[in-house]
């Protein structure tokens, strides 16, 4: 996948997600972490954060469990 290409997943607000987009986790044990999307599979997104040393920084979240950073400025049609 090339950076910036949209994926077939939506965040909690219904916005379309894209590779290399910064998202914030809203619920669960990783709540509050801000990380870029590196890969996706169905409704799961693979994020990168330096805190996850055992897996070279990669961890998995459900797409409905995140929100795009800066989405408060996106206008809904």
C-alpha atoms as a PDB file:
ATOM      1  CA  UNK A   1       0.000   0.000   0.000  1.00  0.00           C
ATOM      2  CA  UNK A   2       1.246   3.432  -0.804  1.00  0.00           C
ATOM      3  CA  UNK A   3       1.132   6.205   1.829  1.00  0.00           C
ATOM      4  CA  UNK A   4      -2.085   8.184   1.936  1.00  0.00           C
ATOM      5  CA  UNK A   5      -4.165   5.585   0.111  1.00  0.00           C
ATOM      6  CA  UNK A   6      -7.549   5.076   1.720  1.00  0.00           C
ATOM      7  CA  UNK A   7      -8.529   1.721   3.169  1.00  0.00           C
ATOM      8  CA  UNK A   8     -11.865  -0.046   3.628  1.00  0.00           C
ATOM      9  CA  UNK A   9     -12.184   0.883   7.290  1.00  0.00           C
ATOM     10  CA  UNK A  10     -13.780   3.744   9.190  1.00  0.00           C
ATOM     11  CA  UNK A  11     -13.019   5.314  12.557  1.00  0.00           C
ATOM     12  CA  UNK A  12     -15.467   5.847  15.423  1.00  0.00           C
ATOM     13  CA  UNK A  13     -16.884   8.988  13.760  1.00  0.00           C
ATOM     14  CA  UNK A  14     -17.315   7.275  10.398  1.00  0.00           C
ATOM     15  CA  UNK A  15     -14.378   8.961   8.628  1.00  0.00           C
ATOM     16  CA  UNK A  16     -12.419   6.887   6.091  1.00  0.00           C
ATOM     17  CA  UNK A  17      -8.978   5.855   7.312  1.00  0.00           C
ATOM     18  CA  UNK A  18      -5.757   5.918   5.244  1.00  0.00           C
ATOM     19  CA  UNK A  19      -2.249   4.473   5.443  1.00  0.00           C
ATOM     20  CA  UNK A  20       0.224   6.686   7.410  1.00  0.00           C
ATOM     21  CA  UNK A  21      -2.653   8.660   8.950  1.00  0.00           C
ATOM     22  CA  UNK A  22      -2.256   9.583  12.621  1.00  0.00           C
ATOM     23  CA  UNK A  23      -5.004   8.198  14.860  1.00  0.00           C
ATOM     24  CA  UNK A  24      -5.729   8.288  18.581  1.00  0.00           C
ATOM     25  CA  UNK A  25      -6.976   5.211  20.455  1.00  0.00           C
ATOM     26  CA  UNK A  26     -10.148   5.942  22.412  1.00  0.00           C
ATOM     27  CA  UNK A  27     -10.821   2.739  24.394  1.00  0.00           C
ATOM     28  CA  UNK A  28      -9.112  -0.290  25.853  1.00  0.00           C
ATOM     29  CA  UNK A  29      -5.678  -0.918  27.348  1.00  0.00           C
ATOM     30  CA  UNK A  30      -3.929   1.288  24.772  1.00  0.00           C
ATOM     31  CA  UNK A  31      -6.249   4.263  25.346  1.00  0.00           C
ATOM     32  CA  UNK A  32      -4.663   7.630  24.601  1.00  0.00           C
ATOM     33  CA  UNK A  33      -1.853   6.382  22.351  1.00  0.00           C
ATOM     34  CA  UNK A  34      -1.372   8.361  19.130  1.00  0.00           C
ATOM     35  CA  UNK A  35       0.132   6.321  16.289  1.00  0.00           C
ATOM     36  CA  UNK A  36       0.278   6.124  12.476  1.00  0.00           C
ATOM     37  CA  UNK A  37      -1.511   3.381  10.526  1.00  0.00           C
ATOM     38  CA  UNK A  38       1.001   1.023   8.855  1.00  0.00           C
ATOM     39  CA  UNK A  39      -1.279  -1.731   7.485  1.00  0.00           C
ATOM     40  CA  UNK A  40      -4.859  -2.979   7.651  1.00  0.00           C
ATOM     41  CA  UNK A  41      -6.878  -6.182   7.347  1.00  0.00           C
ATOM     42  CA  UNK A  42     -10.680  -6.026   7.253  1.00  0.00           C
ATOM     43  CA  UNK A  43     -11.665  -4.002  10.334  1.00  0.00           C
ATOM     44  CA  UNK A  44      -8.299  -4.275  12.072  1.00  0.00           C
ATOM     45  CA  UNK A  45      -5.566  -1.689  11.675  1.00  0.00           C
ATOM     46  CA  UNK A  46      -1.890  -2.217  12.426  1.00  0.00           C
ATOM     47  CA  UNK A  47      -0.327   0.768  14.157  1.00  0.00           C
ATOM     48  CA  UNK A  48       3.261   1.656  15.062  1.00  0.00           C
ATOM     49  CA  UNK A  49       4.435   3.033  18.410  1.00  0.00           C
ATOM     50  CA  UNK A  50       7.873   2.862  20.033  1.00  0.00           C
ATOM     51  CA  UNK A  51       6.360   1.570  23.295  1.00  0.00           C
ATOM     52  CA  UNK A  52       5.839  -1.920  21.790  1.00  0.00           C
ATOM     53  CA  UNK A  53       9.457  -3.130  21.751  1.00  0.00           C
ATOM     54  CA  UNK A  54       8.710  -6.879  21.517  1.00  0.00           C
ATOM     55  CA  UNK A  55       6.966  -6.522  18.142  1.00  0.00           C
ATOM     56  CA  UNK A  56       9.207  -3.823  16.616  1.00  0.00           C
ATOM     57  CA  UNK A  57       6.565  -1.233  17.481  1.00  0.00           C
ATOM     58  CA  UNK A  58       3.605  -2.833  15.687  1.00  0.00           C
ATOM     59  CA  UNK A  59       0.294  -3.480  17.472  1.00  0.00           C
ATOM     60  CA  UNK A  60      -3.308  -4.114  16.384  1.00  0.00           C
ATOM     61  CA  UNK A  61      -6.536  -2.232  17.105  1.00  0.00           C
ATOM     62  CA  UNK A  62     -10.059  -2.361  15.748  1.00  0.00           C
ATOM     63  CA  UNK A  63     -10.794   0.502  13.378  1.00  0.00           C
ATOM     64  CA  UNK A  64     -13.893   1.548  15.353  1.00  0.00           C
ATOM     65  CA  UNK A  65     -11.691   1.969  18.426  1.00  0.00           C
ATOM     66  CA  UNK A  66      -9.752   4.940  17.005  1.00  0.00           C
ATOM     67  CA  UNK A  67     -10.369   8.472  15.789  1.00  0.00           C
ATOM     68  CA  UNK A  68      -8.409  10.459  13.214  1.00  0.00           C
ATOM     69  CA  UNK A  69      -6.239  13.172  14.754  1.00  0.00           C
ATOM     70  CA  UNK A  70      -7.625  16.538  13.722  1.00  0.00           C
ATOM     71  CA  UNK A  71     -11.033  15.110  12.806  1.00  0.00           C
ATOM     72  CA  UNK A  72     -12.730  17.866  14.778  1.00  0.00           C
ATOM     73  CA  UNK A  73     -11.891  20.107  11.808  1.00  0.00           C
ATOM     74  CA  UNK A  74     -13.373  17.747   9.177  1.00  0.00           C
ATOM     75  CA  UNK A  75     -16.822  18.846   7.974  1.00  0.00           C
ATOM     76  CA  UNK A  76     -19.557  16.220   7.626  1.00  0.00           C
ATOM     77  CA  UNK A  77     -21.784  16.427   4.536  1.00  0.00           C
END
